[in-house]
Structure formats: structure tokens, C-alpha cells
Amino acid sequence: MLTGNLLDPLPPAARDEVLDTLLTCGAVRIERIVSTGQSSPPGFWYDQDETEFVVLLQGAARLRFEDGELTMTPGSYVTIAPHRRHRLEWTQADPPTVWLAVFFP
């Protein structure tokens, strides 16, 4: 049995986002991501081989896609198809932005 709290404890603010793998089962991976003001570097786009389902649990953020953008607040979720290029425009630092991401083929 795996138990815990996604919001407590949170890591201290850091230069980079903090990724914690909570569970890996076959080709499925679940991560908690904690952002404290980070954004993607200029010109950088994520281009992943996997589908990513993301729920924003706390804070706020804006994702940019090649065809638009999405502002996320607590409870917002999005499914990002494989190779759908996207980037992180901004994340709220206080309170920290906390994501739950599920990656699968």
C-alpha cells in the first residue's frame, strides 16, 4: 500500500522544479511536480513520446501550445497527446504550484 499527502510536505523553493516519482507500473508513471516560479527556457518546447495527463492541485500556471495557451488553476486538468509541443510560460511561486502528472503510452 502506498500512502501520502501530495501537498504536505512540500520541498523548499529551488532553482528547478522538483519532480517526485510516486509510482511506476509498467509503462505508466505518476509524478508530483512542484514549481516555484519556473518557466521553460526561451525557445524550449517539450516534445514527449508519451501521453501526459496533468492535474493542477495548487497554485496557478500557464501552458503554451503551438496553437494557443491554457491558464490552469486548482482543479484544472489537461491531456497532452504525444509529440504535442508545449512549454511552461509561468508558474505561481507562492503558494507553490503543485501538479499531478500521469504519463502513459
C-alpha atoms as a PDB file:
ATOM      1  CA  MET A   1       0.000   0.000   0.000  1.00  0.00           C
ATOM      2  CA  LEU A   2       1.257   3.448  -0.928  1.00  0.00           C
ATOM      3  CA  THR A   3       0.039   6.421   1.118  1.00  0.00           C
ATOM      4  CA  GLY A   4       0.999  10.058   1.432  1.00  0.00           C
ATOM      5  CA  ASN A   5      -0.146  13.627   1.002  1.00  0.00           C
ATOM      6  CA  LEU A   6       0.567  15.441  -2.261  1.00  0.00           C
ATOM      7  CA  LEU A   7       0.584  18.837  -0.523  1.00  0.00           C
ATOM      8  CA  ASP A   8       2.437  18.057   2.703  1.00  0.00           C
ATOM      9  CA  PRO A   9       5.341  18.209   2.986  1.00  0.00           C
ATOM     10  CA  LEU A  10       6.342  20.324   0.005  1.00  0.00           C
ATOM     11  CA  PRO A  11      10.015  20.778  -0.820  1.00  0.00           C
ATOM     12  CA  PRO A  12      11.571  24.212  -0.303  1.00  0.00           C
ATOM     13  CA  ALA A  13      11.728  26.558  -3.290  1.00  0.00           C
ATOM     14  CA  ALA A  14      14.546  25.599  -5.629  1.00  0.00           C
ATOM     15  CA  ARG A  15      16.088  26.792  -8.879  1.00  0.00           C
ATOM     16  CA  ASP A  16      14.464  23.935 -10.792  1.00  0.00           C
ATOM     17  CA  GLU A  17      11.098  22.249 -10.456  1.00  0.00           C
ATOM     18  CA  VAL A  18      11.094  19.308  -8.057  1.00  0.00           C
ATOM     19  CA  LEU A  19       9.854  16.028  -9.573  1.00  0.00           C
ATOM     20  CA  ASP A  20       8.959  13.085  -7.359  1.00  0.00           C
ATOM     21  CA  THR A  21       8.037   9.788  -8.999  1.00  0.00           C
ATOM     22  CA  LEU A  22       5.212   8.391  -6.881  1.00  0.00           C
ATOM     23  CA  LEU A  23       4.516   5.220  -8.818  1.00  0.00           C
ATOM     24  CA  THR A  24       5.784   3.345 -11.847  1.00  0.00           C
ATOM     25  CA  CYS A  25       3.789   0.377 -13.108  1.00  0.00           C
ATOM     26  CA  GLY A  26       4.749  -0.999 -16.495  1.00  0.00           C
ATOM     27  CA  ALA A  27       4.561   1.871 -18.974  1.00  0.00           C
ATOM     28  CA  VAL A  28       2.606   4.138 -16.578  1.00  0.00           C
ATOM     29  CA  ARG A  29       4.424   6.704 -14.426  1.00  0.00           C
ATOM     30  CA  ILE A  30       2.846   9.073 -11.880  1.00  0.00           C
ATOM     31  CA  GLU A  31       4.775  12.133 -10.702  1.00  0.00           C
ATOM     32  CA  ARG A  32       4.249  15.031  -8.347  1.00  0.00           C
ATOM     33  CA  ILE A  33       5.812  18.192  -9.732  1.00  0.00           C
ATOM     34  CA  VAL A  34       6.366  21.249  -7.533  1.00  0.00           C
ATOM     35  CA  SER A  35       7.016  24.559  -9.313  1.00  0.00           C
ATOM     36  CA  THR A  36       8.001  27.783  -7.585  1.00  0.00           C
ATOM     37  CA  GLY A  37       8.063  30.380 -10.332  1.00  0.00           C
ATOM     38  CA  GLN A  38       9.817  28.300 -13.002  1.00  0.00           C
ATOM     39  CA  SER A  39       9.135  28.533 -16.719  1.00  0.00           C
ATOM     40  CA  SER A  40      10.545  26.894 -19.831  1.00  0.00           C
ATOM     41  CA  PRO A  41      13.756  28.445 -21.172  1.00  0.00           C
ATOM     42  CA  PRO A  42      13.324  30.733 -24.206  1.00  0.00           C
ATOM     43  CA  GLY A  43      12.835  28.674 -27.365  1.00  0.00           C
ATOM     44  CA  PHE A  44      12.433  25.355 -25.465  1.00  0.00           C
ATOM     45  CA  TRP A  45       9.437  23.128 -26.247  1.00  0.00           C
ATOM     46  CA  TYR A  46       8.542  19.798 -24.643  1.00  0.00           C
ATOM     47  CA  ASP A  47       8.042  17.115 -27.312  1.00  0.00           C
ATOM     48  CA  GLN A  48       7.315  13.877 -25.458  1.00  0.00           C
ATOM     49  CA  ASP A  49       6.824  10.328 -26.695  1.00  0.00           C
ATOM     50  CA  GLU A  50       4.149   9.672 -24.044  1.00  0.00           C
ATOM     51  CA  THR A  51       0.641  10.970 -23.375  1.00  0.00           C
ATOM     52  CA  GLU A  52       0.597  13.213 -20.300  1.00  0.00           C
ATOM     53  CA  PHE A  53      -2.492  13.783 -18.162  1.00  0.00           C
ATOM     54  CA  VAL A  54      -1.879  16.681 -15.774  1.00  0.00           C
ATOM     55  CA  VAL A  55      -3.986  17.991 -12.886  1.00  0.00           C
ATOM     56  CA  LEU A  56      -3.078  21.250 -11.159  1.00  0.00           C
ATOM     57  CA  LEU A  57      -3.648  20.812  -7.414  1.00  0.00           C
ATOM     58  CA  GLN A  58      -2.403  24.133  -6.020  1.00  0.00           C
ATOM     59  CA  GLY A  59      -1.113  27.432  -7.368  1.00  0.00           C
ATOM     60  CA  ALA A  60      -1.509  28.548 -10.970  1.00  0.00           C
ATOM     61  CA  ALA A  61       0.301  28.188 -14.279  1.00  0.00           C
ATOM     62  CA  ARG A  62       0.084  28.886 -17.976  1.00  0.00           C
ATOM     63  CA  LEU A  63       0.939  26.319 -20.632  1.00  0.00           C
ATOM     64  CA  ARG A  64       1.591  27.384 -24.201  1.00  0.00           C
ATOM     65  CA  PHE A  65       0.918  25.135 -27.158  1.00  0.00           C
ATOM     66  CA  GLU A  66       1.797  25.906 -30.758  1.00  0.00           C
ATOM     67  CA  ASP A  67      -1.880  26.699 -31.376  1.00  0.00           C
ATOM     68  CA  GLY A  68      -2.755  28.586 -28.179  1.00  0.00           C
ATOM     69  CA  GLU A  69      -2.382  28.707 -24.432  1.00  0.00           C
ATOM     70  CA  LEU A  70      -4.100  27.389 -21.323  1.00  0.00           C
ATOM     71  CA  THR A  71      -4.168  29.038 -17.897  1.00  0.00           C
ATOM     72  CA  MET A  72      -4.523  26.467 -15.137  1.00  0.00           C
ATOM     73  CA  THR A  73      -5.894  26.948 -11.622  1.00  0.00           C
ATOM     74  CA  PRO A  74      -6.567  24.386  -8.862  1.00  0.00           C
ATOM     75  CA  GLY A  75      -8.676  21.574 -10.264  1.00  0.00           C
ATOM     76  CA  SER A  76      -7.782  22.254 -13.921  1.00  0.00           C
ATOM     77  CA  TYR A  77      -6.580  19.325 -15.974  1.00  0.00           C
ATOM     78  CA  VAL A  78      -5.366  18.685 -19.488  1.00  0.00           C
ATOM     79  CA  THR A  79      -4.369  15.694 -21.578  1.00  0.00           C
ATOM     80  CA  ILE A  80      -1.349  16.347 -23.787  1.00  0.00           C
ATOM     81  CA  ALA A  81      -1.017  13.955 -26.722  1.00  0.00           C
ATOM     82  CA  PRO A  82       2.373  12.508 -27.663  1.00  0.00           C
ATOM     83  CA  HIS A  83       4.517  14.975 -29.619  1.00  0.00           C
ATOM     84  CA  ARG A  84       2.146  17.892 -28.991  1.00  0.00           C
ATOM     85  CA  ARG A  85       4.735  20.575 -28.446  1.00  0.00           C
ATOM     86  CA  HIS A  86       4.162  22.658 -25.342  1.00  0.00           C
ATOM     87  CA  ARG A  87       6.029  24.866 -22.911  1.00  0.00           C
ATOM     88  CA  LEU A  88       5.574  26.298 -19.442  1.00  0.00           C
ATOM     89  CA  GLU A  89       5.079  30.064 -19.673  1.00  0.00           C
ATOM     90  CA  TRP A  90       4.905  30.749 -15.915  1.00  0.00           C
ATOM     91  CA  THR A  91       4.072  29.201 -12.568  1.00  0.00           C
ATOM     92  CA  GLN A  92       2.952  30.778  -9.336  1.00  0.00           C
ATOM     93  CA  ALA A  93       5.643  30.745  -6.646  1.00  0.00           C
ATOM     94  CA  ASP A  94       3.556  31.460  -3.544  1.00  0.00           C
ATOM     95  CA  PRO A  95       1.831  29.234  -2.866  1.00  0.00           C
ATOM     96  CA  PRO A  96       3.917  26.744  -4.823  1.00  0.00           C
ATOM     97  CA  THR A  97       2.305  25.268  -7.916  1.00  0.00           C
ATOM     98  CA  VAL A  98       1.719  21.543  -7.419  1.00  0.00           C
ATOM     99  CA  TRP A  99       0.943  19.222 -10.306  1.00  0.00           C
ATOM    100  CA  LEU A 100      -0.008  15.562 -10.511  1.00  0.00           C
ATOM    101  CA  ALA A 101       1.171  14.136 -13.839  1.00  0.00           C
ATOM    102  CA  VAL A 102       0.337  10.704 -15.234  1.00  0.00           C
ATOM    103  CA  PHE A 103       2.410   9.540 -18.213  1.00  0.00           C
ATOM    104  CA  PHE A 104       1.324   6.596 -20.368  1.00  0.00           C
ATOM    105  CA  PRO A 105       1.821   5.284 -23.914  1.00  0.00           C
END
